[in-house]
C-alpha atoms as a PDB file:
ATOM      1  CA  MET A   1       9.000  -5.684 -14.080  1.00  0.00           C
ATOM      2  CA  ASP A   2      11.636  -5.070 -11.439  1.00  0.00           C
ATOM      3  CA  ILE A   3      10.250  -5.169  -7.895  1.00  0.00           C
ATOM      4  CA  ASN A   4      13.425  -4.185  -6.057  1.00  0.00           C
ATOM      5  CA  ALA A   5      11.857  -0.775  -5.360  1.00  0.00           C
ATOM      6  CA  THR A   6       8.082  -0.398  -5.143  1.00  0.00           C
ATOM      7  CA  VAL A   7       5.140   1.463  -3.648  1.00  0.00           C
ATOM      8  CA  LEU A   8       2.719  -0.750  -1.712  1.00  0.00           C
ATOM      9  CA  ASP A   9      -1.020  -0.169  -1.599  1.00  0.00           C
ATOM     10  CA  ALA A  10      -2.905  -0.940   1.624  1.00  0.00           C
ATOM     11  CA  SER A  11      -4.523  -3.977  -0.033  1.00  0.00           C
ATOM     12  CA  ALA A  12      -1.099  -5.447  -0.815  1.00  0.00           C
ATOM     13  CA  ILE A  13       0.163  -4.881   2.729  1.00  0.00           C
ATOM     14  CA  LEU A  14      -2.989  -6.462   4.161  1.00  0.00           C
ATOM     15  CA  ALA A  15      -2.580  -9.460   1.835  1.00  0.00           C
ATOM     16  CA  PHE A  16       0.937  -9.885   3.246  1.00  0.00           C
ATOM     17  CA  VAL A  17      -0.173  -9.484   6.873  1.00  0.00           C
ATOM     18  CA  ASN A  18      -3.072 -11.928   6.441  1.00  0.00           C
ATOM     19  CA  GLN A  19      -1.102 -14.265   4.133  1.00  0.00           C
ATOM     20  CA  GLU A  20      -3.737 -13.995   1.434  1.00  0.00           C
ATOM     21  CA  ALA A  21      -3.299 -14.666  -2.274  1.00  0.00           C
ATOM     22  CA  GLY A  22      -0.298 -12.766  -3.607  1.00  0.00           C
ATOM     23  CA  TYR A  23       1.415 -12.251  -0.249  1.00  0.00           C
ATOM     24  CA  GLU A  24       4.610 -13.851  -1.607  1.00  0.00           C
ATOM     25  CA  THR A  25       4.974 -11.034  -4.147  1.00  0.00           C
ATOM     26  CA  VAL A  26       4.628  -8.454  -1.368  1.00  0.00           C
ATOM     27  CA  GLU A  27       7.178 -10.353   0.699  1.00  0.00           C
ATOM     28  CA  ARG A  28       9.656 -10.079  -2.203  1.00  0.00           C
ATOM     29  CA  CYS A  29       8.907  -6.354  -2.464  1.00  0.00           C
ATOM     30  CA  LEU A  30       9.607  -5.928   1.254  1.00  0.00           C
ATOM     31  CA  GLN A  31      13.027  -7.515   0.753  1.00  0.00           C
ATOM     32  CA  GLY A  32      13.852  -4.559  -1.490  1.00  0.00           C
ATOM     33  CA  GLU A  33      13.041  -0.881  -1.076  1.00  0.00           C
ATOM     34  CA  ALA A  34       9.324  -0.614  -0.294  1.00  0.00           C
ATOM     35  CA  HIS A  35       7.409   2.628   0.204  1.00  0.00           C
ATOM     36  CA  CYS A  36       3.876   3.300   1.433  1.00  0.00           C
ATOM     37  CA  SER A  37       1.904   6.529   1.405  1.00  0.00           C
ATOM     38  CA  ALA A  38       0.853   7.808   4.839  1.00  0.00           C
ATOM     39  CA  ALA A  39      -2.746   7.643   3.564  1.00  0.00           C
ATOM     40  CA  ASN A  40      -2.371   3.934   2.795  1.00  0.00           C
ATOM     41  CA  TRP A  41      -0.618   3.335   6.118  1.00  0.00           C
ATOM     42  CA  SER A  42      -3.645   4.864   7.855  1.00  0.00           C
ATOM     43  CA  GLU A  43      -5.915   2.519   5.895  1.00  0.00           C
ATOM     44  CA  VAL A  44      -3.817  -0.498   6.943  1.00  0.00           C
ATOM     45  CA  LYS A  45      -4.122   0.463  10.610  1.00  0.00           C
ATOM     46  CA  GLN A  46      -7.860   1.118  10.251  1.00  0.00           C
ATOM     47  CA  LYS A  47      -8.432  -2.347   8.759  1.00  0.00           C
ATOM     48  CA  ILE A  48      -6.303  -4.079  11.390  1.00  0.00           C
ATOM     49  CA  VAL A  49      -7.933  -2.254  14.294  1.00  0.00           C
ATOM     50  CA  GLY A  50     -11.396  -2.889  12.826  1.00  0.00           C
ATOM     51  CA  SER A  51     -10.773  -6.599  12.342  1.00  0.00           C
ATOM     52  CA  ARG A  52      -9.420  -7.146  15.836  1.00  0.00           C
ATOM     53  CA  SER A  53     -12.449  -6.000  17.853  1.00  0.00           C
ATOM     54  CA  GLY A  54     -12.552  -7.822  21.166  1.00  0.00           C
ATOM     55  CA  PHE A  55      -8.846  -8.594  20.932  1.00  0.00           C
ATOM     56  CA  ASN A  56      -5.858  -6.586  22.022  1.00  0.00           C
ATOM     57  CA  TRP A  57      -5.679  -4.602  18.787  1.00  0.00           C
ATOM     58  CA  LEU A  58      -2.939  -2.316  20.080  1.00  0.00           C
ATOM     59  CA  GLU A  59      -0.590  -5.230  20.719  1.00  0.00           C
ATOM     60  CA  THR A  60      -1.436  -6.702  17.314  1.00  0.00           C
ATOM     61  CA  TRP A  61      -0.840  -3.358  15.606  1.00  0.00           C
ATOM     62  CA  LEU A  62       2.498  -2.804  17.328  1.00  0.00           C
ATOM     63  CA  GLU A  63       3.683  -6.268  16.233  1.00  0.00           C
ATOM     64  CA  ILE A  64       2.630  -5.641  12.629  1.00  0.00           C
ATOM     65  CA  GLU A  65       4.146  -2.152  12.626  1.00  0.00           C
ATOM     66  CA  SER A  66       7.414  -3.545  14.002  1.00  0.00           C
ATOM     67  CA  LEU A  67       7.479  -6.316  11.387  1.00  0.00           C
ATOM     68  CA  LEU A  68       6.862  -3.970   8.472  1.00  0.00           C
ATOM     69  CA  VAL A  69       8.711  -0.807   9.482  1.00  0.00           C
ATOM     70  CA  GLU A  70      11.534  -2.000  11.703  1.00  0.00           C
ATOM     71  CA  TYR A  71      12.250  -5.493  10.362  1.00  0.00           C
ATOM     72  CA  HIS A  72      11.447  -5.010   6.661  1.00  0.00           C
ATOM     73  CA  GLY A  73      12.281  -1.292   6.525  1.00  0.00           C
ATOM     74  CA  LEU A  74       8.996  -0.178   4.951  1.00  0.00           C
ATOM     75  CA  ILE A  75       9.295   3.560   4.286  1.00  0.00           C
ATOM     76  CA  ILE A  76       6.169   5.552   5.165  1.00  0.00           C
ATOM     77  CA  GLU A  77       6.046   8.601   2.892  1.00  0.00           C
ATOM     78  CA  SER A  78       4.241  11.831   3.746  1.00  0.00           C
ATOM     79  CA  VAL A  79       1.664  13.013   1.236  1.00  0.00           C
ATOM     80  CA  SER A  80       3.182  15.893  -0.702  1.00  0.00           C
ATOM     81  CA  ARG A  81       1.418  18.731  -2.460  1.00  0.00           C
ATOM     82  CA  GLU A  82       2.438  17.122  -5.764  1.00  0.00           C
ATOM     83  CA  ASP A  83       0.886  13.814  -4.651  1.00  0.00           C
ATOM     84  CA  ALA A  84      -2.342  15.572  -3.668  1.00  0.00           C
ATOM     85  CA  GLU A  85      -2.575  17.318  -7.024  1.00  0.00           C
ATOM     86  CA  ARG A  86      -1.818  14.157  -9.014  1.00  0.00           C
ATOM     87  CA  ALA A  87      -4.400  12.223  -6.982  1.00  0.00           C
ATOM     88  CA  ALA A  88      -7.015  14.885  -7.732  1.00  0.00           C
ATOM     89  CA  GLU A  89      -6.193  14.681 -11.445  1.00  0.00           C
ATOM     90  CA  ARG A  90      -6.792  10.901 -11.371  1.00  0.00           C
ATOM     91  CA  TRP A  91     -10.319  11.307 -10.009  1.00  0.00           C
ATOM     92  CA  GLU A  92     -13.092  10.239 -12.365  1.00  0.00           C
ATOM     93  CA  VAL A  93     -16.848  10.130 -11.817  1.00  0.00           C
ATOM     94  CA  ASN A  94     -18.135   6.587 -11.162  1.00  0.00           C
ATOM     95  CA  LYS A  95     -14.663   5.084 -10.859  1.00  0.00           C
ATOM     96  CA  SER A  96     -13.872   2.982  -7.829  1.00  0.00           C
ATOM     97  CA  LEU A  97     -10.437   4.385  -6.990  1.00  0.00           C
ATOM     98  CA  SER A  98     -10.477   5.814  -3.476  1.00  0.00           C
ATOM     99  CA  LEU A  99      -8.443   8.825  -2.421  1.00  0.00           C
ATOM    100  CA  ALA A 100      -5.910   6.473  -0.777  1.00  0.00           C
ATOM    101  CA  ASP A 101      -5.668   4.467  -4.029  1.00  0.00           C
ATOM    102  CA  ARG A 102      -5.032   7.615  -6.032  1.00  0.00           C
ATOM    103  CA  LEU A 103      -2.455   8.840  -3.502  1.00  0.00           C
ATOM    104  CA  CYS A 104      -0.631   5.509  -3.771  1.00  0.00           C
ATOM    105  CA  LEU A 105      -0.497   5.849  -7.550  1.00  0.00           C
ATOM    106  CA  ALA A 106       0.618   9.473  -7.218  1.00  0.00           C
ATOM    107  CA  LEU A 107       3.449   8.430  -4.890  1.00  0.00           C
ATOM    108  CA  GLY A 108       4.494   5.819  -7.435  1.00  0.00           C
ATOM    109  CA  ASP A 109       4.507   8.522 -10.115  1.00  0.00           C
ATOM    110  CA  ARG A 110       6.584  10.876  -7.961  1.00  0.00           C
ATOM    111  CA  LEU A 111       9.143   8.209  -7.070  1.00  0.00           C
ATOM    112  CA  GLY A 112       9.098   6.586 -10.514  1.00  0.00           C
ATOM    113  CA  LEU A 113       8.230   3.220  -8.961  1.00  0.00           C
ATOM    114  CA  PRO A 114       5.574   0.611  -9.717  1.00  0.00           C
ATOM    115  CA  ALA A 115       2.571   0.412  -7.402  1.00  0.00           C
ATOM    116  CA  ILE A 116       1.701  -3.017  -6.007  1.00  0.00           C
ATOM    117  CA  THR A 117      -1.973  -3.731  -5.289  1.00  0.00           C
ATOM    118  CA  ALA A 118      -4.470  -6.500  -4.641  1.00  0.00           C
ATOM    119  CA  ASP A 119      -7.305  -4.229  -5.789  1.00  0.00           C
ATOM    120  CA  GLN A 120      -8.422  -5.401  -9.226  1.00  0.00           C
ATOM    121  CA  ALA A 121     -10.324  -2.149  -9.800  1.00  0.00           C
ATOM    122  CA  TRP A 122      -6.946  -0.547 -10.542  1.00  0.00           C
ATOM    123  CA  GLY A 123      -6.645  -2.561 -13.725  1.00  0.00           C
ATOM    124  CA  ASP A 124      -3.274  -3.120 -15.329  1.00  0.00           C
ATOM    125  CA  GLY A 125      -0.707  -0.649 -16.514  1.00  0.00           C
ATOM    126  CA  ASP A 126       2.981  -0.099 -17.012  1.00  0.00           C
ATOM    127  CA  MET A 127       3.442   0.964 -13.395  1.00  0.00           C
ATOM    128  CA  ILE A 128       0.780  -1.215 -11.719  1.00  0.00           C
ATOM    129  CA  ILE A 129       1.434  -4.758 -10.524  1.00  0.00           C
ATOM    130  CA  GLN A 130      -1.564  -6.863  -9.540  1.00  0.00           C
ATOM    131  CA  ILE A 131      -0.778  -9.558  -6.975  1.00  0.00           C
ATOM    132  CA  ARG A 132      -3.984 -11.564  -7.436  1.00  0.00           C
END
């Protein structure tokens, strides 16, 4: 599958930031056209701020934001009405996909791009790329 244009889930971005398994795939995605839902971007910041307690989290966040948005050109996409409706349609009782997960998949649907994730609960599909 072509990864020149992709949608990145928060788990994939965090794998890149923390250099966890699969970060090389995310790095290749960032060399192309990479998008991220605003909901996933919020989740990335939440995880970074939460993991940096006692440290200067603001400085850390600004460095990460600069790396991803300014250096790599990550495009943060607003959540559209269409995204919200598609995410709602993906909801299933007792499934582990969060709202942010479903919004990431909805953004991928809207843009016609594969979604990159480190979250194995997503499973596999034509438009899902697992990095782990």
